[in-house]
Amino acid sequence: MARPKLALPTPDAIRALVDGEGRLAVKVTPGARVETLELAEGRLVAKVRAKPEDGKANAAVAHLLAQALGIGVSRVSLLRGATSREKQFVVGD
């Protein structure tokens, strides 16, 4: 069975959360049943299926952010929070 298409926030809604230096704070839930990216209480929440081992969940979040923003994965990099649920990514234009 094919995976359902993700309902992602608009790129403009996500870019509104990016600060002047290109940083984006994300709360991550690894090991979720479904992958999703949503705005909750003025912050970005990412739920990914990948387990938090060997950076797999971080890579999945970067891929999800890139997909939502319509940019390449190489334009999204983890700045802080490699082992935390509270992460900060740098988003390039």
PDB file of N, CA and C in Angstrom:
ATOM      1  N   MET A   1       0.835  -1.169   0.000  1.00  0.00           N
ATOM      2  CA  MET A   1       0.000   0.000   0.000  1.00  0.00           C
ATOM      3  C   MET A   1       0.890   1.245   0.000  1.00  0.00           C
ATOM      4  N   ALA A   2       0.533   2.230  -0.800  1.00  0.00           N
ATOM      5  CA  ALA A   2       1.307   3.459  -0.910  1.00  0.00           C
ATOM      6  C   ALA A   2       1.096   4.330   0.327  1.00  0.00           C
ATOM      7  N   ARG A   3       2.135   5.077   0.654  1.00  0.00           N
ATOM      8  CA  ARG A   3       2.031   6.003   1.778  1.00  0.00           C
ATOM      9  C   ARG A   3       1.170   7.183   1.370  1.00  0.00           C
ATOM     10  N   PRO A   4       0.329   7.677   2.275  1.00  0.00           N
ATOM     11  CA  PRO A   4      -0.467   8.856   1.940  1.00  0.00           C
ATOM     12  C   PRO A   4       0.429  10.083   1.819  1.00  0.00           C
ATOM     13  N   LYS A   5       0.003  11.035   0.989  1.00  0.00           N
ATOM     14  CA  LYS A   5       0.772  12.249   0.792  1.00  0.00           C
ATOM     15  C   LYS A   5       0.744  13.074   2.081  1.00  0.00           C
ATOM     16  N   LEU A   6       1.894  13.618   2.424  1.00  0.00           N
ATOM     17  CA  LEU A   6       2.004  14.402   3.644  1.00  0.00           C
ATOM     18  C   LEU A   6       1.305  15.740   3.507  1.00  0.00           C
ATOM     19  N   ALA A   7       0.620  16.149   4.550  1.00  0.00           N
ATOM     20  CA  ALA A   7       0.036  17.485   4.610  1.00  0.00           C
ATOM     21  C   ALA A   7       1.020  18.348   5.391  1.00  0.00           C
ATOM     22  N   LEU A   8       1.827  19.115   4.677  1.00  0.00           N
ATOM     23  CA  LEU A   8       2.874  19.921   5.294  1.00  0.00           C
ATOM     24  C   LEU A   8       2.453  21.382   5.370  1.00  0.00           C
ATOM     25  N   PRO A   9       2.974  22.133   6.343  1.00  0.00           N
ATOM     26  CA  PRO A   9       2.707  23.577   6.378  1.00  0.00           C
ATOM     27  C   PRO A   9       3.282  24.238   5.132  1.00  0.00           C
ATOM     28  N   THR A  10       2.779  25.399   4.798  1.00  0.00           N
ATOM     29  CA  THR A  10       3.279  26.113   3.626  1.00  0.00           C
ATOM     30  C   THR A  10       4.708  26.584   3.873  1.00  0.00           C
ATOM     31  N   PRO A  11       5.496  26.706   2.816  1.00  0.00           N
ATOM     32  CA  PRO A  11       6.863  27.210   2.988  1.00  0.00           C
ATOM     33  C   PRO A  11       6.902  28.583   3.655  1.00  0.00           C
ATOM     34  N   ASP A  12       5.932  29.447   3.340  1.00  0.00           N
ATOM     35  CA  ASP A  12       5.902  30.782   3.948  1.00  0.00           C
ATOM     36  C   ASP A  12       5.659  30.708   5.449  1.00  0.00           C
ATOM     37  N   ALA A  13       4.794  29.782   5.881  1.00  0.00           N
ATOM     38  CA  ALA A  13       4.522  29.624   7.309  1.00  0.00           C
ATOM     39  C   ALA A  13       5.765  29.152   8.053  1.00  0.00           C
ATOM     40  N   ILE A  14       6.544  28.275   7.417  1.00  0.00           N
ATOM     41  CA  ILE A  14       7.776  27.785   8.049  1.00  0.00           C
ATOM     42  C   ILE A  14       8.832  28.880   8.054  1.00  0.00           C
ATOM     43  N   ARG A  15       8.972  29.585   6.929  1.00  0.00           N
ATOM     44  CA  ARG A  15       9.986  30.646   6.844  1.00  0.00           C
ATOM     45  C   ARG A  15       9.706  31.779   7.828  1.00  0.00           C
ATOM     46  N   ALA A  16       8.448  31.957   8.217  1.00  0.00           N
ATOM     47  CA  ALA A  16       8.107  32.979   9.205  1.00  0.00           C
ATOM     48  C   ALA A  16       8.723  32.659  10.568  1.00  0.00           C
ATOM     49  N   LEU A  17       9.037  31.392  10.816  1.00  0.00           N
ATOM     50  CA  LEU A  17       9.643  30.976  12.083  1.00  0.00           C
ATOM     51  C   LEU A  17      11.163  31.025  12.063  1.00  0.00           C
ATOM     52  N   VAL A  18      11.751  31.231  10.881  1.00  0.00           N
ATOM     53  CA  VAL A  18      13.214  31.290  10.744  1.00  0.00           C
ATOM     54  C   VAL A  18      13.683  32.668  11.206  1.00  0.00           C
ATOM     55  N   ASP A  19      14.723  32.708  12.068  1.00  0.00           N
ATOM     56  CA  ASP A  19      15.218  33.999  12.545  1.00  0.00           C
ATOM     57  C   ASP A  19      16.112  34.657  11.493  1.00  0.00           C
ATOM     58  N   GLY A  20      16.649  35.816  11.820  1.00  0.00           N
ATOM     59  CA  GLY A  20      17.457  36.599  10.886  1.00  0.00           C
ATOM     60  C   GLY A  20      18.735  35.925  10.448  1.00  0.00           C
ATOM     61  N   GLU A  21      19.213  34.950  11.213  1.00  0.00           N
ATOM     62  CA  GLU A  21      20.437  34.243  10.876  1.00  0.00           C
ATOM     63  C   GLU A  21      20.168  32.902  10.211  1.00  0.00           C
ATOM     64  N   GLY A  22      18.919  32.631   9.854  1.00  0.00           N
ATOM     65  CA  GLY A  22      18.577  31.399   9.145  1.00  0.00           C
ATOM     66  C   GLY A  22      18.367  30.194  10.044  1.00  0.00           C
ATOM     67  N   ARG A  23      18.204  30.414  11.359  1.00  0.00           N
ATOM     68  CA  ARG A  23      18.020  29.302  12.292  1.00  0.00           C
ATOM     69  C   ARG A  23      16.537  29.018  12.503  1.00  0.00           C
ATOM     70  N   LEU A  24      16.237  27.739  12.635  1.00  0.00           N
ATOM     71  CA  LEU A  24      14.863  27.285  12.814  1.00  0.00           C
ATOM     72  C   LEU A  24      14.818  26.272  13.952  1.00  0.00           C
ATOM     73  N   ALA A  25      14.024  26.565  14.987  1.00  0.00           N
ATOM     74  CA  ALA A  25      13.880  25.663  16.129  1.00  0.00           C
ATOM     75  C   ALA A  25      12.779  24.645  15.824  1.00  0.00           C
ATOM     76  N   VAL A  26      13.055  23.377  16.108  1.00  0.00           N
ATOM     77  CA  VAL A  26      12.112  22.295  15.823  1.00  0.00           C
ATOM     78  C   VAL A  26      12.065  21.350  17.024  1.00  0.00           C
ATOM     79  N   LYS A  27      10.867  20.982  17.438  1.00  0.00           N
ATOM     80  CA  LYS A  27      10.715  19.936  18.448  1.00  0.00           C
ATOM     81  C   LYS A  27      10.462  18.636  17.696  1.00  0.00           C
ATOM     82  N   VAL A  28      11.230  17.597  18.008  1.00  0.00           N
ATOM     83  CA  VAL A  28      11.194  16.358  17.244  1.00  0.00           C
ATOM     84  C   VAL A  28      10.689  15.199  18.097  1.00  0.00           C
ATOM     85  N   THR A  29       9.829  14.386  17.493  1.00  0.00           N
ATOM     86  CA  THR A  29       9.383  13.140  18.102  1.00  0.00           C
ATOM     87  C   THR A  29       9.816  11.999  17.187  1.00  0.00           C
ATOM     88  N   PRO A  30      10.882  11.286  17.547  1.00  0.00           N
ATOM     89  CA  PRO A  30      11.316  10.147  16.726  1.00  0.00           C
ATOM     90  C   PRO A  30      10.484   8.913  17.033  1.00  0.00           C
ATOM     91  N   GLY A  31      10.453   7.973  16.112  1.00  0.00           N
ATOM     92  CA  GLY A  31       9.735   6.717  16.326  1.00  0.00           C
ATOM     93  C   GLY A  31       8.230   6.863  16.281  1.00  0.00           C
ATOM     94  N   ALA A  32       7.729   7.885  15.592  1.00  0.00           N
ATOM     95  CA  ALA A  32       6.285   8.108  15.496  1.00  0.00           C
ATOM     96  C   ALA A  32       5.660   7.145  14.487  1.00  0.00           C
ATOM     97  N   ARG A  33       4.358   6.983  14.566  1.00  0.00           N
ATOM     98  CA  ARG A  33       3.656   6.107  13.619  1.00  0.00           C
ATOM     99  C   ARG A  33       3.609   6.703  12.218  1.00  0.00           C
ATOM    100  N   VAL A  34       3.451   8.015  12.145  1.00  0.00           N
ATOM    101  CA  VAL A  34       3.376   8.697  10.854  1.00  0.00           C
ATOM    102  C   VAL A  34       4.354   9.863  10.848  1.00  0.00           C
ATOM    103  N   GLU A  35       4.826  10.202   9.667  1.00  0.00           N
ATOM    104  CA  GLU A  35       5.706  11.354   9.535  1.00  0.00           C
ATOM    105  C   GLU A  35       4.860  12.579   9.253  1.00  0.00           C
ATOM    106  N   THR A  36       5.110  13.627  10.028  1.00  0.00           N
ATOM    107  CA  THR A  36       4.362  14.857   9.849  1.00  0.00           C
ATOM    108  C   THR A  36       5.186  16.047  10.318  1.00  0.00           C
ATOM    109  N   LEU A  37       4.824  17.192   9.802  1.00  0.00           N
ATOM    110  CA  LEU A  37       5.440  18.449  10.190  1.00  0.00           C
ATOM    111  C   LEU A  37       4.280  19.399  10.418  1.00  0.00           C
ATOM    112  N   GLU A  38       4.195  19.966  11.606  1.00  0.00           N
ATOM    113  CA  GLU A  38       3.042  20.822  11.899  1.00  0.00           C
ATOM    114  C   GLU A  38       3.451  22.007  12.755  1.00  0.00           C
ATOM    115  N   LEU A  39       2.634  23.036  12.684  1.00  0.00           N
ATOM    116  CA  LEU A  39       2.813  24.220  13.514  1.00  0.00           C
ATOM    117  C   LEU A  39       1.903  24.059  14.719  1.00  0.00           C
ATOM    118  N   ALA A  40       2.480  24.135  15.909  1.00  0.00           N
ATOM    119  CA  ALA A  40       1.704  24.012  17.136  1.00  0.00           C
ATOM    120  C   ALA A  40       2.198  25.041  18.135  1.00  0.00           C
ATOM    121  N   GLU A  41       1.292  25.879  18.602  1.00  0.00           N
ATOM    122  CA  GLU A  41       1.619  26.897  19.597  1.00  0.00           C
ATOM    123  C   GLU A  41       2.777  27.784  19.155  1.00  0.00           C
ATOM    124  N   GLY A  42       2.789  28.157  17.890  1.00  0.00           N
ATOM    125  CA  GLY A  42       3.814  29.052  17.375  1.00  0.00           C
ATOM    126  C   GLY A  42       5.178  28.441  17.184  1.00  0.00           C
ATOM    127  N   ARG A  43       5.253  27.113  17.162  1.00  0.00           N
ATOM    128  CA  ARG A  43       6.533  26.448  16.930  1.00  0.00           C
ATOM    129  C   ARG A  43       6.346  25.282  15.981  1.00  0.00           C
ATOM    130  N   LEU A  44       7.431  24.828  15.434  1.00  0.00           N
ATOM    131  CA  LEU A  44       7.403  23.731  14.477  1.00  0.00           C
ATOM    132  C   LEU A  44       7.641  22.411  15.204  1.00  0.00           C
ATOM    133  N   VAL A  45       6.769  21.440  14.941  1.00  0.00           N
ATOM    134  CA  VAL A  45       6.870  20.119  15.549  1.00  0.00           C
ATOM    135  C   VAL A  45       7.000  19.093  14.428  1.00  0.00           C
ATOM    136  N   ALA A  46       8.035  18.268  14.510  1.00  0.00           N
ATOM    137  CA  ALA A  46       8.266  17.231  13.503  1.00  0.00           C
ATOM    138  C   ALA A  46       8.135  15.864  14.155  1.00  0.00           C
ATOM    139  N   LYS A  47       7.388  14.982  13.500  1.00  0.00           N
ATOM    140  CA  LYS A  47       7.277  13.601  13.944  1.00  0.00           C
ATOM    141  C   LYS A  47       7.792  12.734  12.801  1.00  0.00           C
ATOM    142  N   VAL A  48       8.769  11.890  13.117  1.00  0.00           N
ATOM    143  CA  VAL A  48       9.370  11.042  12.091  1.00  0.00           C
ATOM    144  C   VAL A  48       9.367   9.587  12.537  1.00  0.00           C
ATOM    145  N   ARG A  49       9.337   8.689  11.577  1.00  0.00           N
ATOM    146  CA  ARG A  49       9.330   7.249  11.861  1.00  0.00           C
ATOM    147  C   ARG A  49      10.692   6.736  12.294  1.00  0.00           C
ATOM    148  N   ALA A  50      11.734   7.369  11.838  1.00  0.00           N
ATOM    149  CA  ALA A  50      13.097   6.903  12.115  1.00  0.00           C
ATOM    150  C   ALA A  50      13.383   6.884  13.613  1.00  0.00           C
ATOM    151  N   LYS A  51      14.143   5.903  14.021  1.00  0.00           N
ATOM    152  CA  LYS A  51      14.552   5.770  15.418  1.00  0.00           C
ATOM    153  C   LYS A  51      15.719   6.718  15.704  1.00  0.00           C
ATOM    154  N   PRO A  52      15.852   7.159  16.941  1.00  0.00           N
ATOM    155  CA  PRO A  52      16.947   8.082  17.274  1.00  0.00           C
ATOM    156  C   PRO A  52      18.279   7.364  17.490  1.00  0.00           C
ATOM    157  N   GLU A  53      18.772   6.751  16.442  1.00  0.00           N
ATOM    158  CA  GLU A  53      20.054   6.061  16.525  1.00  0.00           C
ATOM    159  C   GLU A  53      20.888   6.383  15.291  1.00  0.00           C
ATOM    160  N   ASP A  54      22.153   6.663  15.518  1.00  0.00           N
ATOM    161  CA  ASP A  54      23.110   6.972  14.444  1.00  0.00           C
ATOM    162  C   ASP A  54      22.675   8.138  13.565  1.00  0.00           C
ATOM    163  N   GLY A  55      21.935   9.099  14.115  1.00  0.00           N
ATOM    164  CA  GLY A  55      21.533  10.281  13.368  1.00  0.00           C
ATOM    165  C   GLY A  55      20.423  10.054  12.358  1.00  0.00           C
ATOM    166  N   LYS A  56      19.770   8.897  12.392  1.00  0.00           N
ATOM    167  CA  LYS A  56      18.715   8.603  11.417  1.00  0.00           C
ATOM    168  C   LYS A  56      17.523   9.544  11.571  1.00  0.00           C
ATOM    169  N   ALA A  57      17.118   9.832  12.796  1.00  0.00           N
ATOM    170  CA  ALA A  57      15.989  10.732  13.017  1.00  0.00           C
ATOM    171  C   ALA A  57      16.340  12.153  12.588  1.00  0.00           C
ATOM    172  N   ASN A  58      17.564  12.590  12.860  1.00  0.00           N
ATOM    173  CA  ASN A  58      17.989  13.930  12.442  1.00  0.00           C
ATOM    174  C   ASN A  58      17.959  14.061  10.922  1.00  0.00           C
ATOM    175  N   ALA A  59      18.425  13.044  10.235  1.00  0.00           N
ATOM    176  CA  ALA A  59      18.411  13.060   8.769  1.00  0.00           C
ATOM    177  C   ALA A  59      16.976  13.074   8.242  1.00  0.00           C
ATOM    178  N   ALA A  60      16.085  12.342   8.898  1.00  0.00           N
ATOM    179  CA  ALA A  60      14.685  12.307   8.475  1.00  0.00           C
ATOM    180  C   ALA A  60      14.025  13.667   8.658  1.00  0.00           C
ATOM    181  N   VAL A  61      14.350  14.355   9.747  1.00  0.00           N
ATOM    182  CA  VAL A  61      13.788  15.690   9.986  1.00  0.00           C
ATOM    183  C   VAL A  61      14.322  16.673   8.949  1.00  0.00           C
ATOM    184  N   ALA A  62      15.607  16.604   8.649  1.00  0.00           N
ATOM    185  CA  ALA A  62      16.193  17.485   7.632  1.00  0.00           C
ATOM    186  C   ALA A  62      15.521  17.263   6.286  1.00  0.00           C
ATOM    187  N   HIS A  63      15.278  16.003   5.936  1.00  0.00           N
ATOM    188  CA  HIS A  63      14.601  15.676   4.679  1.00  0.00           C
ATOM    189  C   HIS A  63      13.177  16.227   4.675  1.00  0.00           C
ATOM    190  N   LEU A  64      12.472  16.093   5.783  1.00  0.00           N
ATOM    191  CA  LEU A  64      11.101  16.584   5.895  1.00  0.00           C
ATOM    192  C   LEU A  64      11.052  18.107   5.781  1.00  0.00           C
ATOM    193  N   LEU A  65      11.987  18.791   6.432  1.00  0.00           N
ATOM    194  CA  LEU A  65      12.051  20.250   6.338  1.00  0.00           C
ATOM    195  C   LEU A  65      12.337  20.697   4.904  1.00  0.00           C
ATOM    196  N   ALA A  66      13.286  20.041   4.265  1.00  0.00           N
ATOM    197  CA  ALA A  66      13.629  20.394   2.890  1.00  0.00           C
ATOM    198  C   ALA A  66      12.440  20.192   1.962  1.00  0.00           C
ATOM    199  N   GLN A  67      11.727  19.100   2.162  1.00  0.00           N
ATOM    200  CA  GLN A  67      10.551  18.815   1.346  1.00  0.00           C
ATOM    201  C   GLN A  67       9.477  19.889   1.551  1.00  0.00           C
ATOM    202  N   ALA A  68       9.252  20.281   2.789  1.00  0.00           N
ATOM    203  CA  ALA A  68       8.231  21.291   3.088  1.00  0.00           C
ATOM    204  C   ALA A  68       8.606  22.663   2.543  1.00  0.00           C
ATOM    205  N   LEU A  69       9.902  22.976   2.554  1.00  0.00           N
ATOM    206  CA  LEU A  69      10.366  24.277   2.080  1.00  0.00           C
ATOM    207  C   LEU A  69      10.606  24.303   0.576  1.00  0.00           C
ATOM    208  N   GLY A  70      10.614  23.139  -0.045  1.00  0.00           N
ATOM    209  CA  GLY A  70      10.847  23.080  -1.485  1.00  0.00           C
ATOM    210  C   GLY A  70      12.292  23.356  -1.851  1.00  0.00           C
ATOM    211  N   ILE A  71      13.225  22.951  -0.977  1.00  0.00           N
ATOM    212  CA  ILE A  71      14.648  23.146  -1.238  1.00  0.00           C
ATOM    213  C   ILE A  71      15.352  21.796  -1.118  1.00  0.00           C
ATOM    214  N   GLY A  72      16.598  21.761  -1.514  1.00  0.00           N
ATOM    215  CA  GLY A  72      17.365  20.527  -1.424  1.00  0.00           C
ATOM    216  C   GLY A  72      17.767  20.219   0.016  1.00  0.00           C
ATOM    217  N   VAL A  73      17.961  18.959   0.294  1.00  0.00           N
ATOM    218  CA  VAL A  73      18.338  18.533   1.644  1.00  0.00           C
ATOM    219  C   VAL A  73      19.685  19.128   2.047  1.00  0.00           C
ATOM    220  N   SER A  74      20.553  19.374   1.084  1.00  0.00           N
ATOM    221  CA  SER A  74      21.867  19.944   1.392  1.00  0.00           C
ATOM    222  C   SER A  74      21.766  21.379   1.898  1.00  0.00           C
ATOM    223  N   ARG A  75      20.617  22.013   1.740  1.00  0.00           N
ATOM    224  CA  ARG A  75      20.409  23.391   2.206  1.00  0.00           C
ATOM    225  C   ARG A  75      19.927  23.445   3.653  1.00  0.00           C
ATOM    226  N   VAL A  76      19.690  22.282   4.258  1.00  0.00           N
ATOM    227  CA  VAL A  76      19.226  22.195   5.644  1.00  0.00           C
ATOM    228  C   VAL A  76      20.278  21.426   6.443  1.00  0.00           C
ATOM    229  N   SER A  77      20.770  22.037   7.511  1.00  0.00           N
ATOM    230  CA  SER A  77      21.763  21.336   8.327  1.00  0.00           C
ATOM    231  C   SER A  77      21.471  21.530   9.811  1.00  0.00           C
ATOM    232  N   LEU A  78      21.822  20.523  10.583  1.00  0.00           N
ATOM    233  CA  LEU A  78      21.611  20.548  12.023  1.00  0.00           C
ATOM    234  C   LEU A  78      22.675  21.422  12.667  1.00  0.00           C
ATOM    235  N   LEU A  79      22.239  22.388  13.444  1.00  0.00           N
ATOM    236  CA  LEU A  79      23.165  23.289  14.123  1.00  0.00           C
ATOM    237  C   LEU A  79      23.371  22.860  15.575  1.00  0.00           C
ATOM    238  N   ARG A  80      22.288  22.494  16.231  1.00  0.00           N
ATOM    239  CA  ARG A  80      22.346  22.183  17.661  1.00  0.00           C
ATOM    240  C   ARG A  80      21.283  21.157  18.009  1.00  0.00           C
ATOM    241  N   GLY A  81      21.578  20.291  18.977  1.00  0.00           N
ATOM    242  CA  GLY A  81      20.586  19.350  19.484  1.00  0.00           C
ATOM    243  C   GLY A  81      20.653  17.963  18.888  1.00  0.00           C
ATOM    244  N   ALA A  82      21.831  17.489  18.571  1.00  0.00           N
ATOM    245  CA  ALA A  82      21.977  16.183  17.924  1.00  0.00           C
ATOM    246  C   ALA A  82      21.366  15.053  18.745  1.00  0.00           C
ATOM    247  N   THR A  83      21.409  15.153  20.061  1.00  0.00           N
ATOM    248  CA  THR A  83      20.859  14.087  20.907  1.00  0.00           C
ATOM    249  C   THR A  83      19.649  14.548  21.714  1.00  0.00           C
ATOM    250  N   SER A  84      19.120  15.712  21.393  1.00  0.00           N
ATOM    251  CA  SER A  84      17.978  16.272  22.113  1.00  0.00           C
ATOM    252  C   SER A  84      16.743  16.285  21.226  1.00  0.00           C
ATOM    253  N   ARG A  85      15.575  16.355  21.830  1.00  0.00           N
ATOM    254  CA  ARG A  85      14.341  16.512  21.049  1.00  0.00           C
ATOM    255  C   ARG A  85      14.181  17.946  20.564  1.00  0.00           C
ATOM    256  N   GLU A  86      14.811  18.872  21.265  1.00  0.00           N
ATOM    257  CA  GLU A  86      14.784  20.280  20.867  1.00  0.00           C
ATOM    258  C   GLU A  86      15.983  20.539  19.964  1.00  0.00           C
ATOM    259  N   LYS A  87      15.738  20.780  18.692  1.00  0.00           N
ATOM    260  CA  LYS A  87      16.816  20.915  17.717  1.00  0.00           C
ATOM    261  C   LYS A  87      16.769  22.287  17.068  1.00  0.00           C
ATOM    262  N   GLN A  88      17.906  22.673  16.542  1.00  0.00           N
ATOM    263  CA  GLN A  88      17.978  23.913  15.795  1.00  0.00           C
ATOM    264  C   GLN A  88      18.678  23.621  14.470  1.00  0.00           C
ATOM    265  N   PHE A  89      17.995  23.955  13.389  1.00  0.00           N
ATOM    266  CA  PHE A  89      18.512  23.744  12.045  1.00  0.00           C
ATOM    267  C   PHE A  89      18.841  25.081  11.411  1.00  0.00           C
ATOM    268  N   VAL A  90      19.784  25.063  10.497  1.00  0.00           N
ATOM    269  CA  VAL A  90      20.088  26.228   9.675  1.00  0.00           C
ATOM    270  C   VAL A  90      19.501  25.963   8.301  1.00  0.00           C
ATOM    271  N   VAL A  91      18.716  26.913   7.836  1.00  0.00           N
ATOM    272  CA  VAL A  91      18.033  26.768   6.548  1.00  0.00           C
ATOM    273  C   VAL A  91      18.620  27.772   5.568  1.00  0.00           C
ATOM    274  N   GLY A  92      19.160  27.272   4.459  1.00  0.00           N
ATOM    275  CA  GLY A  92      19.697  28.133   3.415  1.00  0.00           C
ATOM    276  C   GLY A  92      18.616  28.471   2.402  1.00  0.00           C
ATOM    277  N   ASP A  93      18.840  29.532   1.647  1.00  0.00           N
ATOM    278  CA  ASP A  93      17.845  29.928   0.633  1.00  0.00           C
ATOM    279  C   ASP A  93      18.036  29.192  -0.663  1.00  0.00           C
TER     280      ASP A  93
END
